[in-house]
Protein backbone atom coordinates (compact mmCIF):
# COMPACT_ATOMS: atom_id res chain seq x y z
CA MET A 1 6.08 -17.95 0.64
CA GLN A 2 3.78 -15.12 1.27
CA PHE A 3 5.07 -11.74 2.75
CA LEU A 4 2.37 -11.32 5.42
CA ASN A 5 1.57 -13.98 7.86
CA SER A 6 -1.60 -14.63 10.02
CA ASP A 7 -0.32 -12.62 12.85
CA ASP A 8 0.12 -9.51 10.78
CA LEU A 9 -3.36 -9.68 9.67
CA LEU A 10 -4.76 -10.30 13.19
CA GLN A 11 -3.23 -7.00 14.51
CA ALA A 12 -5.79 -5.28 12.48
CA ILE A 13 -8.79 -7.49 12.43
CA ASP A 14 -10.21 -10.28 14.44
CA ASN A 15 -10.17 -13.98 13.40
CA TYR A 16 -13.85 -14.21 13.21
CA THR A 17 -14.31 -11.24 10.77
CA LEU A 18 -11.37 -12.37 8.71
CA ASN A 19 -12.84 -15.81 8.23
CA GLY A 20 -16.26 -14.28 7.39
CA ILE A 21 -14.78 -12.00 4.63
CA THR A 22 -12.67 -14.86 3.18
CA GLU A 23 -15.07 -17.61 3.56
CA ASN A 24 -12.25 -19.65 5.43
CA ASN A 25 -10.54 -19.58 1.96
CA PRO A 26 -6.92 -18.58 2.50
CA GLN A 27 -6.31 -18.39 -1.36
CA LEU A 28 -8.51 -15.14 -1.20
CA ILE A 29 -6.05 -13.64 1.19
CA ASP A 30 -3.14 -14.61 -0.96
CA ILE A 31 -4.85 -13.10 -4.09
CA ALA A 32 -5.60 -9.84 -2.30
CA GLU A 33 -2.02 -9.71 -0.80
CA ASN A 34 -0.43 -10.11 -4.18
CA ARG A 35 -2.78 -7.50 -5.61
CA ALA A 36 -1.80 -5.07 -2.77
CA ILE A 37 1.92 -5.75 -3.13
CA GLU A 38 1.83 -5.01 -6.92
CA GLU A 39 0.04 -1.72 -6.18
CA MET A 40 2.61 -0.74 -3.50
CA LYS A 41 5.47 -1.64 -5.97
CA SER A 42 4.08 0.58 -8.63
CA TYR A 43 4.76 3.28 -6.10
CA LEU A 44 7.94 2.27 -4.42
CA ASN A 45 9.72 1.02 -7.50
CA ILE A 46 10.61 4.65 -8.44
CA ARG A 47 13.39 4.97 -5.75
CA PHE A 48 13.47 1.87 -3.82
CA ASP A 49 14.59 -1.76 -4.32
CA VAL A 50 11.21 -3.67 -4.15
CA VAL A 51 12.72 -7.03 -4.19
CA ALA A 52 14.44 -6.33 -0.89
CA ILE A 53 11.49 -4.48 0.66
CA PHE A 54 9.20 -7.44 0.07
CA ASP A 55 11.54 -9.97 1.17
CA PRO A 56 9.71 -11.98 4.06
CA LEU A 57 12.99 -12.33 6.11
CA SER A 58 13.32 -8.46 6.58
CA LYS A 59 9.94 -6.80 6.95
CA ASN A 60 9.70 -3.08 7.42
CA GLN A 61 6.86 -2.64 9.96
CA LEU A 62 5.36 0.51 8.29
CA VAL A 63 5.15 -1.29 4.94
CA VAL A 64 3.63 -4.24 6.71
CA MET A 65 0.95 -1.93 8.32
CA TYR A 66 -0.05 -0.20 5.11
CA LEU A 67 0.00 -3.57 3.20
CA VAL A 68 -2.36 -5.07 5.82
CA ASP A 69 -4.75 -2.05 5.30
CA MET A 70 -4.58 -2.43 1.54
CA VAL A 71 -5.33 -6.21 1.79
CA LEU A 72 -8.24 -5.87 4.14
CA TYR A 73 -9.77 -3.22 1.82
CA HIS A 74 -9.49 -5.46 -1.31
CA LEU A 75 -11.09 -8.36 0.68
CA HIS A 76 -14.04 -6.20 1.88
CA ALA A 77 -14.43 -4.77 -1.75
CA ARG A 78 -14.64 -8.38 -2.85
CA ILE A 79 -17.85 -8.93 -1.01
CA SER A 80 -19.65 -5.66 -1.41
CA PRO A 81 -17.90 -2.78 -3.01
CA ASP A 82 -20.75 -0.41 -2.07
CA HIS A 83 -20.69 -1.31 1.58
CA ILE A 84 -16.87 -1.20 2.55
CA PRO A 85 -16.61 -0.10 6.29
CA ASP A 86 -15.63 3.45 6.64
CA LEU A 87 -12.51 2.39 8.85
CA ARG A 88 -11.18 0.33 5.76
CA LYS A 89 -11.70 3.13 3.34
CA GLU A 90 -9.95 5.63 5.53
CA ARG A 91 -7.08 3.27 6.19
CA TYR A 92 -6.69 2.42 2.46
CA GLN A 93 -6.61 6.00 1.46
CA THR A 94 -4.15 6.76 4.09
CA ALA A 95 -1.89 4.16 2.74
CA ARG A 96 -2.37 5.44 -0.83
CA THR A 97 -1.59 8.97 0.35
CA TRP A 98 1.57 7.83 2.08
CA LEU A 99 2.61 5.80 -1.14
CA GLU A 100 2.14 8.94 -3.25
CA GLN A 101 4.26 11.10 -0.77
CA VAL A 102 6.96 8.41 -0.89
CA ALA A 103 6.86 8.39 -4.69
CA ASP A 104 7.04 12.09 -4.85
CA GLY A 105 9.84 12.24 -2.21
CA PHE A 106 7.90 14.07 0.45
CA ALA A 107 8.20 11.10 2.95
CA ALA A 108 11.50 9.26 3.41
CA PRO A 109 10.96 5.76 4.95
CA LEU A 110 13.94 3.66 5.90
CA LEU A 111 13.70 1.36 3.00
CA PRO A 112 16.54 -0.03 0.76
CA HIS A 113 17.26 2.25 -2.01
CA LYS A 114 17.90 1.14 -5.55
CA ASN A 115 21.49 0.80 -6.87
CA PRO A 116 22.52 4.30 -7.98
CA GLU A 117 23.64 2.99 -11.40
CA THR A 118 20.23 1.73 -12.10
CA THR A 119 18.14 4.63 -10.71
CA THR A 120 16.55 6.99 -13.15
CA LYS A 121 16.50 10.62 -12.97
CA PHE A 122 13.24 12.24 -11.99
CA PRO A 123 11.78 14.44 -14.64
CA ILE A 124 11.20 17.99 -13.61
CA ARG A 125 7.69 18.89 -12.59
CA TYR A 126 6.07 22.23 -13.43
CA GLY A 127 2.92 23.46 -11.56
CA SER A 128 1.61 24.25 -8.23
CA THR A 129 -0.54 22.54 -5.59
CA LEU A 130 -2.32 25.84 -5.02
CA PRO A 131 -5.84 26.35 -6.83
CA LYS A 132 -5.83 28.29 -10.14
CA GLN A 133 -6.60 31.93 -9.53
CA GLU A 134 -8.71 34.08 -12.13
CA ASN A 135 -7.45 37.69 -12.03
CA PHE A 136 -10.26 39.31 -14.02
CA TYR A 137 -11.83 42.58 -13.06
């Protein structure tokens, strides 16, 4: 059983366009979905229970929205990596940015956390997000 269903995809793309980029092959959607889920898990696995998050019976709509954006980006990239629509690029980048914020602890979605006994401690990060300054006179 897949996590997304056709209604989830059809919220972001029309059926005609979806059939065009998948060549009416539902296996291509499954492959792109599995790849996008693994990509999301690599970010969410740090603090959250990814098994519970990707349970088809309890979907978080924010995860579904970003997953759909990632799946559609991967489907478009399969056809022509140099001519991906700007909308798909922007939405994919937005999804990646959100995942990075969640992984770094700057965004706190309502997702099931890992069991405290199995959660690893975060290493201390040093540095700054500001550009490096050169102070030579």
